Each structure stands twice: as C-alpha cells, then as structure tokens.
Amino acid sequence: MTSILQGKSILRTDTLTDEELDVILATADRFEKALKAGRRLDNMAGQVMAAMFFEPSTRTRLSFEAAMHRLGGDVITIADPKTSSAAKGESMADAVRVIEGYADVIVMRHPRKGSAKEAADAVAVPVINGGDGAGQHPTQALLDTFTIKKEQGTLDGLTVSLAGDLKNGRTVHSLVYLLARFDTRLVFVSPSQLRMPAHITDDLQAKGVEITETEDLSKAMQESDVVYMTRIQKERFEDPEEYERLKGAYVLDVAMVEQAKSDITIMHPLPRVNEIKTDVDGYAGAAYFRQAHNGVPVRMALLALVTGRE
C-alpha cells in the first residue's frame, strides 16, 4: 500500500493534514516499540539520505543520521558549508539538483527562511526541512507533539505555555500549528520585544484557538500542563545590546517548579543556555532529554513514510 506521504516534502506543519499527522505519530510509536524490543530494521536498506546542514546542529543532524542508520540506510553529509560548493557561490537550486542524483531523500537546515521550499521546488526527491532560519522546524514540532502525548497521555484539553523568544523561535512557530488541531489553550510568555509574530497569533485565533499573552512565566506555569521553554537566540539579533538586555528574561529553577501546577511537563528544544537551571533536571516532569531522544523514532517515521518504506 502506498504511504499517503510517499514522495511528499515535509516543509511546514500547517500543510500537514490531520490524517498525515496521525500516521506520523502512529508510525513513530511503532518504530519506538521495535527499537525497545531490540528488533533489527531494514526499511531503508539500499536508500541514501543526504544531510545538508548549512547552520550548526547537534540534535537534528545526529538524530536524523541515527534514524537512517536504525532503518538500515546510508547517510552522506554536508556538516560545514565552508567545505561545500556553497562557499564558491553555488546556488541552492544547483546544489540540490546535483545531490538529487546521489540520494533518495534530502534533509536540509539553512539560515535563510524559505530555503527548504526553494530546494523542494528544484528536485523530485522528498526534502525534509530541518530548520530554515526563523521560519519553521516541522520535525522538531512533530517530536514535540509526540513527547507531549507520551508525557501527558493525551493531546486534548491541555494548557500549554510557550516561553522565551517567540518572535524568532522556529520551533514554536511550527509547534503551535500542530497544537491548534486539538482542544488546546495556548499561553504565549515573552518580553514585548519577542512576542509571537502577529500573523501567527491572528491565524490561530481565526481558527478558534484560545490564546493568552503575558510576560509572567510563574503565573502561566501555575495553570499549565506543559511549559515549553526556548532559548533567547543570540544569532537572530542584529543589535547585540538588545540581546544582552533580554537574554536572562526567563530562567526556570526548581523553586518555580514547586509553585507550578502539579505534574507539569517541562520541555525545551535544546540547547539550553541559562533558561532552565540544572536543579530542575531531577524533577520527574523534566522531559527535555526524553524529548531530544524522541527525535529518533519520529524522524525514522518521516524518512520511511516519504520514501514509501514504512
């Protein structure tokens, strides 16, 4: 049977259908169970994934590579743009047209918003967006959704607070569109300079999503089932002084957790800088390392689905 995602590029979360989301989560769950059972998987045997990373990455790149290897496939990688022909001025379209001849699926991270779509428009093989500047990071949002369901047991009826750099955070830009599909109340916590872009807030409210905006993280945590912390992203600031003013806007410590709603789940896409103190790591609901590990089965699911190897 042909996968509903076979041949499809994964560029944004708001273009995925509810059925596609259900299939991704169910496939990830199946692969996770297979890994825990020690099964040897060969779904991607004979397939090659090209990982094109023009921006620093640890979790996304390595979990995609681990996912491909766990499925029995092979990986070729651009991990440093200085060593690729991009340094010679090669266009994105030309680069992916060449790599299309080497691989069955392309995973790409690039600092320019819209770059993943540009790549996908140039080739016939599926392209998976591993983050395009301040645009979207759909695979992170999918593993975040997978994590919330595992930690809370449901995706319905939750209050989720997203805190920090909501202006530049591609992880939250992607995640809110998945959470909007469920009966979820969203609380946006940020300094006024780093609010969620108005076009996203307006779009969500037009879909009937209940949204609250505040600068008070402690109060938000008292009524939230999940708090999703984000890093103030130094690399997105044109003014270094503004970054210095805002970088410590929210720092979550164990004292705040003790005042929060009981059994709150704490998430972070990582890397953390100082947004979550290490004294929180021992809290049972601190899910950020489990969250990072969930990237492997979710990305296994995506690779297998878009290549028809699920």
C-alpha atoms as a PDB file:
ATOM      1  CA  MET A   1       0.000   0.000   0.000  1.00  0.00           C
ATOM      2  CA  THR A   2       1.356   3.433  -0.936  1.00  0.00           C
ATOM      3  CA  SER A   3       2.001   5.770   2.006  1.00  0.00           C
ATOM      4  CA  ILE A   4      -0.103   8.939   1.987  1.00  0.00           C
ATOM      5  CA  LEU A   5       3.189  10.784   2.489  1.00  0.00           C
ATOM      6  CA  GLN A   6       5.221   8.974  -0.170  1.00  0.00           C
ATOM      7  CA  GLY A   7       7.104  11.477  -2.321  1.00  0.00           C
ATOM      8  CA  LYS A   8       5.968  14.420  -0.212  1.00  0.00           C
ATOM      9  CA  SER A   9       8.354  17.039   1.147  1.00  0.00           C
ATOM     10  CA  ILE A  10       7.963  17.984   4.818  1.00  0.00           C
ATOM     11  CA  LEU A  11       8.425  21.763   4.869  1.00  0.00           C
ATOM     12  CA  ARG A  12       5.853  23.177   7.301  1.00  0.00           C
ATOM     13  CA  THR A  13       3.462  21.883   9.946  1.00  0.00           C
ATOM     14  CA  ASP A  14       0.440  23.864   8.773  1.00  0.00           C
ATOM     15  CA  THR A  15       0.348  21.995   5.447  1.00  0.00           C
ATOM     16  CA  LEU A  16       0.132  18.545   7.042  1.00  0.00           C
ATOM     17  CA  THR A  17      -3.356  17.041   7.138  1.00  0.00           C
ATOM     18  CA  ASP A  18      -4.813  15.550  10.304  1.00  0.00           C
ATOM     19  CA  GLU A  19      -4.571  12.111   8.704  1.00  0.00           C
ATOM     20  CA  GLU A  20      -0.890  12.638   7.879  1.00  0.00           C
ATOM     21  CA  LEU A  21      -0.180  13.755  11.442  1.00  0.00           C
ATOM     22  CA  ASP A  22      -1.926  10.671  12.823  1.00  0.00           C
ATOM     23  CA  VAL A  23       0.083   8.417  10.509  1.00  0.00           C
ATOM     24  CA  ILE A  24       3.385  10.045  11.505  1.00  0.00           C
ATOM     25  CA  LEU A  25       2.708   9.696  15.237  1.00  0.00           C
ATOM     26  CA  ALA A  26       1.464   6.111  14.890  1.00  0.00           C
ATOM     27  CA  THR A  27       4.472   5.115  12.767  1.00  0.00           C
ATOM     28  CA  ALA A  28       6.871   6.736  15.249  1.00  0.00           C
ATOM     29  CA  ASP A  29       5.221   4.808  18.074  1.00  0.00           C
ATOM     30  CA  ARG A  30       5.592   1.561  16.131  1.00  0.00           C
ATOM     31  CA  PHE A  31       9.265   2.204  15.393  1.00  0.00           C
ATOM     32  CA  GLU A  32       9.943   3.152  19.017  1.00  0.00           C
ATOM     33  CA  LYS A  33       8.434  -0.122  20.202  1.00  0.00           C
ATOM     34  CA  ALA A  34      10.522  -2.034  17.650  1.00  0.00           C
ATOM     35  CA  LEU A  35      13.718  -0.350  18.868  1.00  0.00           C
ATOM     36  CA  LYS A  36      12.912  -1.080  22.509  1.00  0.00           C
ATOM     37  CA  ALA A  37      12.284  -4.714  21.592  1.00  0.00           C
ATOM     38  CA  GLY A  38      15.757  -4.873  20.033  1.00  0.00           C
ATOM     39  CA  ARG A  39      14.449  -5.573  16.542  1.00  0.00           C
ATOM     40  CA  ARG A  40      16.742  -5.102  13.561  1.00  0.00           C
ATOM     41  CA  LEU A  41      15.048  -2.881  10.968  1.00  0.00           C
ATOM     42  CA  ASP A  42      15.941  -2.702   7.282  1.00  0.00           C
ATOM     43  CA  ASN A  43      13.172  -0.497   5.908  1.00  0.00           C
ATOM     44  CA  MET A  44      15.693   1.902   4.360  1.00  0.00           C
ATOM     45  CA  ALA A  45      18.208  -0.698   3.150  1.00  0.00           C
ATOM     46  CA  GLY A  46      19.668   0.464  -0.150  1.00  0.00           C
ATOM     47  CA  GLN A  47      18.450   4.032   0.410  1.00  0.00           C
ATOM     48  CA  VAL A  48      20.659   7.092   0.901  1.00  0.00           C
ATOM     49  CA  MET A  49      19.827  10.202   2.919  1.00  0.00           C
ATOM     50  CA  ALA A  50      21.682  13.417   2.119  1.00  0.00           C
ATOM     51  CA  ALA A  51      22.032  15.665   5.160  1.00  0.00           C
ATOM     52  CA  MET A  52      22.716  19.257   4.059  1.00  0.00           C
ATOM     53  CA  PHE A  53      23.433  21.382   7.114  1.00  0.00           C
ATOM     54  CA  PHE A  54      24.364  24.985   6.399  1.00  0.00           C
ATOM     55  CA  GLU A  55      23.782  26.029  10.019  1.00  0.00           C
ATOM     56  CA  PRO A  56      25.070  24.484  13.281  1.00  0.00           C
ATOM     57  CA  SER A  57      23.157  21.466  14.549  1.00  0.00           C
ATOM     58  CA  THR A  58      23.658  18.640  17.008  1.00  0.00           C
ATOM     59  CA  ARG A  59      20.322  17.012  17.814  1.00  0.00           C
ATOM     60  CA  THR A  60      18.626  17.415  14.438  1.00  0.00           C
ATOM     61  CA  ARG A  61      21.566  16.238  12.350  1.00  0.00           C
ATOM     62  CA  LEU A  62      22.620  13.363  14.595  1.00  0.00           C
ATOM     63  CA  SER A  63      19.097  12.115  15.259  1.00  0.00           C
ATOM     64  CA  PHE A  64      18.340  12.102  11.523  1.00  0.00           C
ATOM     65  CA  GLU A  65      21.570  10.202  10.891  1.00  0.00           C
ATOM     66  CA  ALA A  66      20.785   7.798  13.754  1.00  0.00           C
ATOM     67  CA  ALA A  67      17.245   7.341  12.394  1.00  0.00           C
ATOM     68  CA  MET A  68      18.559   6.455   8.942  1.00  0.00           C
ATOM     69  CA  HIS A  69      21.116   4.026  10.341  1.00  0.00           C
ATOM     70  CA  ARG A  70      18.487   2.432  12.635  1.00  0.00           C
ATOM     71  CA  LEU A  71      16.453   1.742   9.497  1.00  0.00           C
ATOM     72  CA  GLY A  72      19.405   0.168   7.688  1.00  0.00           C
ATOM     73  CA  GLY A  73      20.051   3.072   5.316  1.00  0.00           C
ATOM     74  CA  ASP A  74      23.121   5.132   4.484  1.00  0.00           C
ATOM     75  CA  VAL A  75      23.973   8.795   5.023  1.00  0.00           C
ATOM     76  CA  ILE A  76      26.008  11.387   3.158  1.00  0.00           C
ATOM     77  CA  THR A  77      26.548  14.708   4.901  1.00  0.00           C
ATOM     78  CA  ILE A  78      27.404  18.356   4.420  1.00  0.00           C
ATOM     79  CA  ALA A  79      28.110  19.368   8.008  1.00  0.00           C
ATOM     80  CA  ASP A  80      30.149  22.513   7.299  1.00  0.00           C
ATOM     81  CA  PRO A  81      29.107  24.899   4.499  1.00  0.00           C
ATOM     82  CA  LYS A  82      32.716  26.093   4.232  1.00  0.00           C
ATOM     83  CA  THR A  83      33.624  22.696   2.792  1.00  0.00           C
ATOM     84  CA  SER A  84      30.789  22.652   0.244  1.00  0.00           C
ATOM     85  CA  SER A  85      30.421  24.416  -3.077  1.00  0.00           C
ATOM     86  CA  ALA A  86      28.172  26.959  -1.372  1.00  0.00           C
ATOM     87  CA  ALA A  87      31.453  28.604  -0.397  1.00  0.00           C
ATOM     88  CA  LYS A  88      32.133  29.043  -4.120  1.00  0.00           C
ATOM     89  CA  GLY A  89      28.800  30.750  -4.705  1.00  0.00           C
ATOM     90  CA  GLU A  90      26.800  27.775  -5.963  1.00  0.00           C
ATOM     91  CA  SER A  91      23.043  28.411  -5.859  1.00  0.00           C
ATOM     92  CA  MET A  92      20.741  26.368  -3.662  1.00  0.00           C
ATOM     93  CA  ALA A  93      18.829  25.076  -6.679  1.00  0.00           C
ATOM     94  CA  ASP A  94      22.003  23.868  -8.408  1.00  0.00           C
ATOM     95  CA  ALA A  95      23.305  22.222  -5.240  1.00  0.00           C
ATOM     96  CA  VAL A  96      20.170  20.175  -4.591  1.00  0.00           C
ATOM     97  CA  ARG A  97      19.823  19.226  -8.263  1.00  0.00           C
ATOM     98  CA  VAL A  98      23.273  17.674  -8.047  1.00  0.00           C
ATOM     99  CA  ILE A  99      22.611  15.967  -4.700  1.00  0.00           C
ATOM    100  CA  GLU A 100      19.301  14.612  -6.011  1.00  0.00           C
ATOM    101  CA  GLY A 101      21.407  12.255  -8.121  1.00  0.00           C
ATOM    102  CA  TYR A 102      23.175  10.922  -5.032  1.00  0.00           C
ATOM    103  CA  ALA A 103      20.289  10.433  -2.590  1.00  0.00           C
ATOM    104  CA  ASP A 104      16.708   9.256  -2.184  1.00  0.00           C
ATOM    105  CA  VAL A 105      15.758  11.897   0.404  1.00  0.00           C
ATOM    106  CA  ILE A 106      17.304  15.237   1.406  1.00  0.00           C
ATOM    107  CA  VAL A 107      17.296  16.706   4.919  1.00  0.00           C
ATOM    108  CA  MET A 108      18.306  20.348   4.979  1.00  0.00           C
ATOM    109  CA  ARG A 109      18.976  23.090   7.513  1.00  0.00           C
ATOM    110  CA  HIS A 110      19.707  26.584   6.283  1.00  0.00           C
ATOM    111  CA  PRO A 111      19.752  30.045   7.908  1.00  0.00           C
ATOM    112  CA  ARG A 112      17.511  31.574   5.244  1.00  0.00           C
ATOM    113  CA  LYS A 113      13.743  31.435   5.719  1.00  0.00           C
ATOM    114  CA  GLY A 114      12.099  29.736   2.749  1.00  0.00           C
ATOM    115  CA  SER A 115      15.238  27.863   1.704  1.00  0.00           C
ATOM    116  CA  ALA A 116      13.694  24.430   2.212  1.00  0.00           C
ATOM    117  CA  LYS A 117      10.825  25.222  -0.154  1.00  0.00           C
ATOM    118  CA  GLU A 118      13.298  26.563  -2.703  1.00  0.00           C
ATOM    119  CA  ALA A 119      15.157  23.255  -2.527  1.00  0.00           C
ATOM    120  CA  ALA A 120      11.986  21.166  -2.715  1.00  0.00           C
ATOM    121  CA  ASP A 121      10.785  23.077  -5.775  1.00  0.00           C
ATOM    122  CA  ALA A 122      14.028  22.237  -7.573  1.00  0.00           C
ATOM    123  CA  VAL A 123      14.060  18.449  -7.142  1.00  0.00           C
ATOM    124  CA  ALA A 124      11.848  15.380  -7.420  1.00  0.00           C
ATOM    125  CA  VAL A 125      13.075  13.585  -4.285  1.00  0.00           C
ATOM    126  CA  PRO A 126      11.455  14.465  -0.934  1.00  0.00           C
ATOM    127  CA  VAL A 127      13.035  17.308   1.049  1.00  0.00           C
ATOM    128  CA  ILE A 128      12.656  17.447   4.829  1.00  0.00           C
ATOM    129  CA  ASN A 129      13.101  20.860   6.430  1.00  0.00           C
ATOM    130  CA  GLY A 130      15.498  20.637   9.365  1.00  0.00           C
ATOM    131  CA  GLY A 131      15.037  24.339  10.116  1.00  0.00           C
ATOM    132  CA  ASP A 132      15.006  27.353   7.791  1.00  0.00           C
ATOM    133  CA  GLY A 133      16.169  30.415   9.688  1.00  0.00           C
ATOM    134  CA  ALA A 134      13.352  31.950  11.718  1.00  0.00           C
ATOM    135  CA  GLY A 135      10.813  30.117   9.553  1.00  0.00           C
ATOM    136  CA  GLN A 136       9.785  26.619  10.579  1.00  0.00           C
ATOM    137  CA  HIS A 137      11.211  23.440  12.090  1.00  0.00           C
ATOM    138  CA  PRO A 138       8.485  20.870  11.376  1.00  0.00           C
ATOM    139  CA  THR A 139      10.309  17.742  12.514  1.00  0.00           C
ATOM    140  CA  GLN A 140      11.034  19.344  15.898  1.00  0.00           C
ATOM    141  CA  ALA A 141       7.347  20.205  16.250  1.00  0.00           C
ATOM    142  CA  LEU A 142       6.394  16.625  15.395  1.00  0.00           C
ATOM    143  CA  LEU A 143       8.720  15.160  18.019  1.00  0.00           C
ATOM    144  CA  ASP A 144       7.438  17.771  20.490  1.00  0.00           C
ATOM    145  CA  THR A 145       3.862  16.686  19.817  1.00  0.00           C
ATOM    146  CA  PHE A 146       4.903  13.041  20.173  1.00  0.00           C
ATOM    147  CA  THR A 147       6.562  13.928  23.503  1.00  0.00           C
ATOM    148  CA  ILE A 148       3.544  15.785  24.889  1.00  0.00           C
ATOM    149  CA  LYS A 149       1.290  12.843  24.070  1.00  0.00           C
ATOM    150  CA  LYS A 150       3.675  10.422  25.793  1.00  0.00           C
ATOM    151  CA  GLU A 151       4.208  12.611  28.863  1.00  0.00           C
ATOM    152  CA  GLN A 152       0.607  13.755  29.359  1.00  0.00           C
ATOM    153  CA  GLY A 153      -1.197  10.748  27.874  1.00  0.00           C
ATOM    154  CA  THR A 154      -3.248  12.978  25.576  1.00  0.00           C
ATOM    155  CA  LEU A 155      -3.105  15.996  23.293  1.00  0.00           C
ATOM    156  CA  ASP A 156      -6.630  17.188  24.088  1.00  0.00           C
ATOM    157  CA  GLY A 157      -7.743  19.592  26.775  1.00  0.00           C
ATOM    158  CA  LEU A 158      -4.247  20.797  27.735  1.00  0.00           C
ATOM    159  CA  THR A 159      -2.963  24.242  28.585  1.00  0.00           C
ATOM    160  CA  VAL A 160       0.467  24.735  27.048  1.00  0.00           C
ATOM    161  CA  SER A 161       2.704  27.714  27.810  1.00  0.00           C
ATOM    162  CA  LEU A 162       5.454  28.635  25.345  1.00  0.00           C
ATOM    163  CA  ALA A 163       8.077  30.931  26.822  1.00  0.00           C
ATOM    164  CA  GLY A 164      11.067  32.950  25.662  1.00  0.00           C
ATOM    165  CA  ASP A 165      11.955  34.031  22.149  1.00  0.00           C
ATOM    166  CA  LEU A 166       8.625  33.574  20.396  1.00  0.00           C
ATOM    167  CA  LYS A 167       9.496  36.106  17.702  1.00  0.00           C
ATOM    168  CA  ASN A 168      12.433  34.184  16.258  1.00  0.00           C
ATOM    169  CA  GLY A 169      11.743  30.674  17.535  1.00  0.00           C
ATOM    170  CA  ARG A 170      11.041  28.416  14.556  1.00  0.00           C
ATOM    171  CA  THR A 171      10.292  25.551  16.959  1.00  0.00           C
ATOM    172  CA  VAL A 172       7.326  27.365  18.493  1.00  0.00           C
ATOM    173  CA  HIS A 173       6.198  28.729  15.113  1.00  0.00           C
ATOM    174  CA  SER A 174       5.829  25.128  13.986  1.00  0.00           C
ATOM    175  CA  LEU A 175       4.503  23.569  17.193  1.00  0.00           C
ATOM    176  CA  VAL A 176       1.554  25.926  17.676  1.00  0.00           C
ATOM    177  CA  TYR A 177       0.035  24.840  14.359  1.00  0.00           C
ATOM    178  CA  LEU A 178       0.030  21.212  15.470  1.00  0.00           C
ATOM    179  CA  LEU A 179      -1.368  22.014  18.920  1.00  0.00           C
ATOM    180  CA  ALA A 180      -4.095  24.114  17.280  1.00  0.00           C
ATOM    181  CA  ARG A 181      -5.598  20.892  15.897  1.00  0.00           C
ATOM    182  CA  PHE A 182      -6.509  19.794  19.408  1.00  0.00           C
ATOM    183  CA  ASP A 183      -8.569  21.321  22.195  1.00  0.00           C
ATOM    184  CA  THR A 184      -5.508  23.158  23.485  1.00  0.00           C
ATOM    185  CA  ARG A 185      -5.255  26.509  25.236  1.00  0.00           C
ATOM    186  CA  LEU A 186      -2.029  28.346  24.385  1.00  0.00           C
ATOM    187  CA  VAL A 187      -0.245  30.821  26.648  1.00  0.00           C
ATOM    188  CA  PHE A 188       2.473  32.918  24.993  1.00  0.00           C
ATOM    189  CA  VAL A 189       5.043  34.132  27.534  1.00  0.00           C
ATOM    190  CA  SER A 190       7.630  36.613  26.312  1.00  0.00           C
ATOM    191  CA  PRO A 191       9.048  40.110  26.657  1.00  0.00           C
ATOM    192  CA  SER A 192       7.158  42.567  24.460  1.00  0.00           C
ATOM    193  CA  GLN A 193      10.109  42.717  22.046  1.00  0.00           C
ATOM    194  CA  LEU A 194       9.963  38.939  21.460  1.00  0.00           C
ATOM    195  CA  ARG A 195       6.230  38.326  21.124  1.00  0.00           C
ATOM    196  CA  MET A 196       4.837  35.715  18.798  1.00  0.00           C
ATOM    197  CA  PRO A 197       4.516  37.265  15.318  1.00  0.00           C
ATOM    198  CA  ALA A 198       1.089  38.839  14.888  1.00  0.00           C
ATOM    199  CA  HIS A 199       0.337  36.931  11.693  1.00  0.00           C
ATOM    200  CA  ILE A 200       0.670  33.627  13.591  1.00  0.00           C
ATOM    201  CA  THR A 201      -1.411  34.784  16.554  1.00  0.00           C
ATOM    202  CA  ASP A 202      -4.101  36.172  14.255  1.00  0.00           C
ATOM    203  CA  ASP A 203      -4.132  32.981  12.186  1.00  0.00           C
ATOM    204  CA  LEU A 204      -4.523  30.783  15.261  1.00  0.00           C
ATOM    205  CA  GLN A 205      -7.290  32.926  16.713  1.00  0.00           C
ATOM    206  CA  ALA A 206      -9.105  32.780  13.371  1.00  0.00           C
ATOM    207  CA  LYS A 207      -9.007  29.001  13.768  1.00  0.00           C
ATOM    208  CA  GLY A 208     -10.697  29.342  17.152  1.00  0.00           C
ATOM    209  CA  VAL A 209      -7.649  28.702  19.333  1.00  0.00           C
ATOM    210  CA  GLU A 210      -7.776  30.270  22.814  1.00  0.00           C
ATOM    211  CA  ILE A 211      -4.623  32.354  23.296  1.00  0.00           C
ATOM    212  CA  THR A 212      -3.351  34.352  26.251  1.00  0.00           C
ATOM    213  CA  GLU A 213      -0.279  36.610  26.034  1.00  0.00           C
ATOM    214  CA  THR A 214       1.662  37.517  29.185  1.00  0.00           C
ATOM    215  CA  GLU A 215       5.125  38.358  30.483  1.00  0.00           C
ATOM    216  CA  ASP A 216       4.562  36.450  33.765  1.00  0.00           C
ATOM    217  CA  LEU A 217       6.082  32.966  33.497  1.00  0.00           C
ATOM    218  CA  SER A 218       5.382  31.968  37.121  1.00  0.00           C
ATOM    219  CA  LYS A 219       1.671  32.689  36.780  1.00  0.00           C
ATOM    220  CA  ALA A 220       1.485  30.866  33.462  1.00  0.00           C
ATOM    221  CA  MET A 221       3.087  27.770  34.986  1.00  0.00           C
ATOM    222  CA  GLN A 222       0.512  27.664  37.757  1.00  0.00           C
ATOM    223  CA  GLU A 223      -2.215  26.939  35.206  1.00  0.00           C
ATOM    224  CA  SER A 224      -0.270  24.957  32.580  1.00  0.00           C
ATOM    225  CA  ASP A 225       0.039  21.236  31.933  1.00  0.00           C
ATOM    226  CA  VAL A 226       3.124  21.839  29.787  1.00  0.00           C
ATOM    227  CA  VAL A 227       5.686  24.632  29.722  1.00  0.00           C
ATOM    228  CA  TYR A 228       7.892  24.848  26.631  1.00  0.00           C
ATOM    229  CA  MET A 229      10.983  26.934  27.315  1.00  0.00           C
ATOM    230  CA  THR A 230      13.035  28.402  24.468  1.00  0.00           C
ATOM    231  CA  ARG A 231      16.453  29.977  24.185  1.00  0.00           C
ATOM    232  CA  ILE A 232      16.835  33.701  23.521  1.00  0.00           C
ATOM    233  CA  GLN A 233      18.551  33.295  20.158  1.00  0.00           C
ATOM    234  CA  LYS A 234      21.670  35.458  20.000  1.00  0.00           C
ATOM    235  CA  GLU A 235      22.213  34.634  16.322  1.00  0.00           C
ATOM    236  CA  ARG A 236      18.859  36.229  15.361  1.00  0.00           C
ATOM    237  CA  PHE A 237      19.633  39.629  16.899  1.00  0.00           C
ATOM    238  CA  GLU A 238      21.004  42.469  14.803  1.00  0.00           C
ATOM    239  CA  ASP A 239      21.644  44.561  17.935  1.00  0.00           C
ATOM    240  CA  PRO A 240      23.980  42.811  20.444  1.00  0.00           C
ATOM    241  CA  GLU A 241      22.922  45.213  23.199  1.00  0.00           C
ATOM    242  CA  GLU A 242      19.280  44.188  22.844  1.00  0.00           C
ATOM    243  CA  TYR A 243      20.291  40.541  23.178  1.00  0.00           C
ATOM    244  CA  GLU A 244      22.222  41.348  26.375  1.00  0.00           C
ATOM    245  CA  ARG A 245      19.145  43.083  27.802  1.00  0.00           C
ATOM    246  CA  LEU A 246      16.823  40.175  27.039  1.00  0.00           C
ATOM    247  CA  LYS A 247      18.952  37.038  27.364  1.00  0.00           C
ATOM    248  CA  GLY A 248      18.023  36.438  31.013  1.00  0.00           C
ATOM    249  CA  ALA A 249      14.344  37.297  30.674  1.00  0.00           C
ATOM    250  CA  TYR A 250      13.196  33.860  31.845  1.00  0.00           C
ATOM    251  CA  VAL A 251      15.193  31.469  33.981  1.00  0.00           C
ATOM    252  CA  LEU A 252      13.307  28.439  35.264  1.00  0.00           C
ATOM    253  CA  ASP A 253      14.510  26.959  38.562  1.00  0.00           C
ATOM    254  CA  VAL A 254      13.241  24.329  40.976  1.00  0.00           C
ATOM    255  CA  ALA A 255      11.569  26.941  43.206  1.00  0.00           C
ATOM    256  CA  MET A 256       9.346  27.946  40.275  1.00  0.00           C
ATOM    257  CA  VAL A 257       8.556  24.308  39.547  1.00  0.00           C
ATOM    258  CA  GLU A 258       7.437  23.819  43.145  1.00  0.00           C
ATOM    259  CA  GLN A 259       4.931  26.662  42.695  1.00  0.00           C
ATOM    260  CA  ALA A 260       3.690  25.380  39.333  1.00  0.00           C
ATOM    261  CA  LYS A 261       0.720  23.166  38.571  1.00  0.00           C
ATOM    262  CA  SER A 262       1.344  19.667  39.883  1.00  0.00           C
ATOM    263  CA  ASP A 263       2.701  17.166  37.334  1.00  0.00           C
ATOM    264  CA  ILE A 264       3.648  19.932  34.883  1.00  0.00           C
ATOM    265  CA  THR A 265       5.762  18.726  31.957  1.00  0.00           C
ATOM    266  CA  ILE A 266       8.831  20.866  31.257  1.00  0.00           C
ATOM    267  CA  MET A 267      10.154  20.892  27.693  1.00  0.00           C
ATOM    268  CA  HIS A 268      12.930  22.643  25.793  1.00  0.00           C
ATOM    269  CA  PRO A 269      14.113  22.038  22.208  1.00  0.00           C
ATOM    270  CA  LEU A 270      17.719  22.456  23.408  1.00  0.00           C
ATOM    271  CA  PRO A 271      20.399  23.624  23.522  1.00  0.00           C
ATOM    272  CA  ARG A 272      19.702  25.432  26.758  1.00  0.00           C
ATOM    273  CA  VAL A 273      21.920  28.297  27.795  1.00  0.00           C
ATOM    274  CA  ASN A 274      20.524  29.546  31.107  1.00  0.00           C
ATOM    275  CA  GLU A 275      16.743  29.179  30.592  1.00  0.00           C
ATOM    276  CA  ILE A 276      16.472  26.097  32.815  1.00  0.00           C
ATOM    277  CA  LYS A 277      18.696  25.673  35.841  1.00  0.00           C
ATOM    278  CA  THR A 278      20.290  22.258  36.287  1.00  0.00           C
ATOM    279  CA  ASP A 279      18.484  21.855  39.623  1.00  0.00           C
ATOM    280  CA  VAL A 280      15.328  21.216  37.570  1.00  0.00           C
ATOM    281  CA  ASP A 281      16.869  18.161  35.882  1.00  0.00           C
ATOM    282  CA  GLY A 282      15.947  15.875  38.785  1.00  0.00           C
ATOM    283  CA  TYR A 283      12.234  16.769  38.598  1.00  0.00           C
ATOM    284  CA  ALA A 284      10.214  13.832  37.247  1.00  0.00           C
ATOM    285  CA  GLY A 285       8.396  16.044  34.751  1.00  0.00           C
ATOM    286  CA  ALA A 286      11.601  17.466  33.272  1.00  0.00           C
ATOM    287  CA  ALA A 287      11.172  15.924  29.828  1.00  0.00           C
ATOM    288  CA  TYR A 288      13.706  17.794  27.686  1.00  0.00           C
ATOM    289  CA  PHE A 289      16.246  14.981  27.396  1.00  0.00           C
ATOM    290  CA  ARG A 290      13.483  12.424  26.730  1.00  0.00           C
ATOM    291  CA  GLN A 291      12.153  14.943  24.199  1.00  0.00           C
ATOM    292  CA  ALA A 292      15.506  15.001  22.395  1.00  0.00           C
ATOM    293  CA  HIS A 293      15.637  11.202  22.317  1.00  0.00           C
ATOM    294  CA  ASN A 294      12.142  11.089  20.793  1.00  0.00           C
ATOM    295  CA  GLY A 295      13.638  12.685  17.701  1.00  0.00           C
ATOM    296  CA  VAL A 296      14.938   9.312  16.531  1.00  0.00           C
ATOM    297  CA  PRO A 297      11.649   7.377  16.189  1.00  0.00           C
ATOM    298  CA  VAL A 298       9.823  10.421  14.815  1.00  0.00           C
ATOM    299  CA  ARG A 299      12.491  11.042  12.191  1.00  0.00           C
ATOM    300  CA  MET A 300      12.590   7.323  11.411  1.00  0.00           C
ATOM    301  CA  ALA A 301       8.874   7.578  10.701  1.00  0.00           C
ATOM    302  CA  LEU A 302       9.303  10.598   8.427  1.00  0.00           C
ATOM    303  CA  LEU A 303      12.162   9.056   6.421  1.00  0.00           C
ATOM    304  CA  ALA A 304      10.285   5.802   5.914  1.00  0.00           C
ATOM    305  CA  LEU A 305       6.976   7.471   5.087  1.00  0.00           C
ATOM    306  CA  VAL A 306       8.215   9.963   2.493  1.00  0.00           C
ATOM    307  CA  THR A 307      10.198   7.231   0.711  1.00  0.00           C
ATOM    308  CA  GLY A 308       7.371   4.696   0.891  1.00  0.00           C
ATOM    309  CA  ARG A 309       9.433   2.354   3.110  1.00  0.00           C
ATOM    310  CA  GLU A 310       7.287   2.391   6.248  1.00  0.00           C
END
